[in-house]
Amino acid sequence: MGVFDFLKVTVVEKTVVASYKAALTVDGKPLPVANLGMDSVTAGAPGKLKQGQRVSFALALTDPKESLSIRGTGVVASVDKTQAKIQFQGLPDQTRQQVARFLARYLINRPAS
């Protein structure tokens, strides 16, 4: 046994990854969240959404620090076969800042890929 044999041991660090969740309801229909920004949300499985359509939405964001529930209106900015981007309209600055903080916490704490 050599002096530096202890350096040959592989150490695996186990960390708990925080749980981040986003739930979206558009015009009463639940849709999966594909992407989130301060001013928009991209929903998967757009169904019958059309570009330019006005919609009402409810967005629930949950992380270990806080839970946000955002209700508002938006316009469907773009649609393709798999997703639709909804641009928020008239969200107060305070709400936009809450979404920005949620996104910042996610980016800081997300697992490395």
Protein backbone atom coordinates (compact mmCIF):
# COMPACT_ATOMS: atom_id res chain seq x y z
CA MET A 1 0.00 0.00 0.00
CA GLY A 2 1.42 3.33 -1.10
CA VAL A 3 1.30 6.65 0.67
CA PHE A 4 -1.16 8.19 -1.85
CA ASP A 5 -3.52 5.22 -2.24
CA PHE A 6 -6.27 7.18 -0.44
CA LEU A 7 -6.42 9.49 -3.51
CA LYS A 8 -7.63 6.57 -5.67
CA VAL A 9 -10.97 6.39 -3.87
CA THR A 10 -13.87 7.75 -5.94
CA VAL A 11 -16.17 9.95 -3.91
CA VAL A 12 -19.70 10.59 -5.12
CA GLU A 13 -21.39 13.62 -3.65
CA LYS A 14 -25.10 13.18 -3.15
CA THR A 15 -27.22 16.29 -3.08
CA VAL A 16 -30.92 16.86 -2.79
CA VAL A 17 -32.32 18.65 -5.83
CA ALA A 18 -35.08 21.12 -5.06
CA SER A 19 -38.48 20.52 -6.62
CA TYR A 20 -39.69 23.14 -9.10
CA LYS A 21 -43.16 22.81 -10.59
CA ALA A 22 -45.20 24.82 -13.06
CA ALA A 23 -48.87 24.17 -13.88
CA LEU A 24 -50.76 26.04 -16.57
CA THR A 25 -54.48 26.28 -17.29
CA VAL A 26 -55.57 28.11 -20.45
CA ASP A 27 -59.28 28.88 -20.86
CA GLY A 28 -60.05 26.18 -18.29
CA LYS A 29 -57.94 23.49 -19.99
CA PRO A 30 -54.76 22.24 -18.28
CA LEU A 31 -51.69 22.33 -20.55
CA PRO A 32 -48.10 21.25 -19.90
CA VAL A 33 -45.50 24.00 -19.54
CA ALA A 34 -42.72 23.64 -22.11
CA ASN A 35 -40.91 26.91 -21.36
CA LEU A 36 -41.34 29.95 -19.15
CA GLY A 37 -40.18 33.55 -19.44
CA MET A 38 -40.90 36.79 -17.63
CA ASP A 39 -43.37 37.89 -20.31
CA SER A 40 -44.57 34.60 -21.81
CA VAL A 41 -45.15 30.92 -21.33
CA THR A 42 -44.86 28.18 -23.94
CA ALA A 43 -47.44 25.44 -23.58
CA GLY A 44 -47.17 21.97 -25.01
CA ALA A 45 -50.07 20.25 -26.76
CA PRO A 46 -51.75 23.48 -27.95
CA GLY A 47 -54.95 21.79 -29.09
CA LYS A 48 -57.26 24.37 -30.69
CA LEU A 49 -55.30 27.51 -29.83
CA LYS A 50 -54.89 29.88 -32.79
CA GLN A 51 -52.34 32.62 -33.34
CA GLY A 52 -53.74 35.99 -32.24
CA GLN A 53 -56.37 34.41 -29.98
CA ARG A 54 -56.98 36.12 -26.62
CA VAL A 55 -56.92 33.69 -23.71
CA SER A 56 -57.23 33.74 -19.96
CA PHE A 57 -54.69 31.73 -18.02
CA ALA A 58 -53.82 30.56 -14.54
CA LEU A 59 -50.16 29.77 -13.88
CA ALA A 60 -49.03 28.10 -10.65
CA LEU A 61 -45.29 28.14 -9.89
CA THR A 62 -43.96 26.19 -6.91
CA ASP A 63 -40.46 25.95 -5.53
CA PRO A 64 -39.06 25.37 -2.03
CA LYS A 65 -39.04 29.10 -1.25
CA GLU A 66 -42.52 30.19 -2.39
CA SER A 67 -45.65 29.30 -4.31
CA LEU A 68 -46.99 31.76 -6.86
CA SER A 69 -50.45 31.77 -8.36
CA ILE A 70 -50.79 34.07 -11.34
CA ARG A 71 -54.01 34.78 -13.21
CA GLY A 72 -54.23 36.98 -16.25
CA THR A 73 -54.90 37.34 -19.93
CA GLY A 74 -52.64 36.88 -22.87
CA VAL A 75 -52.44 36.57 -26.63
CA VAL A 76 -51.27 33.46 -28.46
CA ALA A 77 -48.13 34.76 -30.19
CA SER A 78 -47.25 31.62 -32.16
CA VAL A 79 -48.53 28.09 -32.64
CA ASP A 80 -47.04 24.99 -34.20
CA LYS A 81 -47.98 21.31 -34.00
CA THR A 82 -46.39 20.71 -30.61
CA GLN A 83 -46.56 24.00 -28.70
CA ALA A 84 -48.04 27.48 -28.41
CA LYS A 85 -46.40 30.61 -27.03
CA ILE A 86 -48.70 32.83 -24.96
CA GLN A 87 -47.59 36.42 -24.43
CA PHE A 88 -48.76 37.82 -21.08
CA GLN A 89 -50.71 41.08 -21.17
CA GLY A 90 -51.04 43.58 -18.37
CA LEU A 91 -49.13 41.73 -15.66
CA PRO A 92 -48.11 44.09 -12.86
CA ASP A 93 -44.37 44.74 -12.46
CA GLN A 94 -44.43 43.06 -9.05
CA THR A 95 -45.77 39.83 -10.62
CA ARG A 96 -43.16 39.97 -13.40
CA GLN A 97 -40.46 40.36 -10.74
CA GLN A 98 -41.82 37.33 -8.85
CA VAL A 99 -41.61 35.25 -12.04
CA ALA A 100 -38.06 36.54 -12.64
CA ARG A 101 -37.02 35.51 -9.10
CA PHE A 102 -38.58 32.05 -9.60
CA LEU A 103 -36.61 31.64 -12.85
CA ALA A 104 -33.40 32.86 -11.19
CA ARG A 105 -33.76 30.37 -8.33
CA TYR A 106 -34.39 27.58 -10.84
CA LEU A 107 -31.31 28.49 -12.90
CA ILE A 108 -29.10 28.66 -9.81
CA ASN A 109 -30.35 25.39 -8.31
CA ARG A 110 -30.99 23.21 -11.36
CA PRO A 111 -28.93 20.03 -11.61
CA ALA A 112 -25.91 20.18 -13.90
CA SER A 113 -26.42 18.24 -17.10
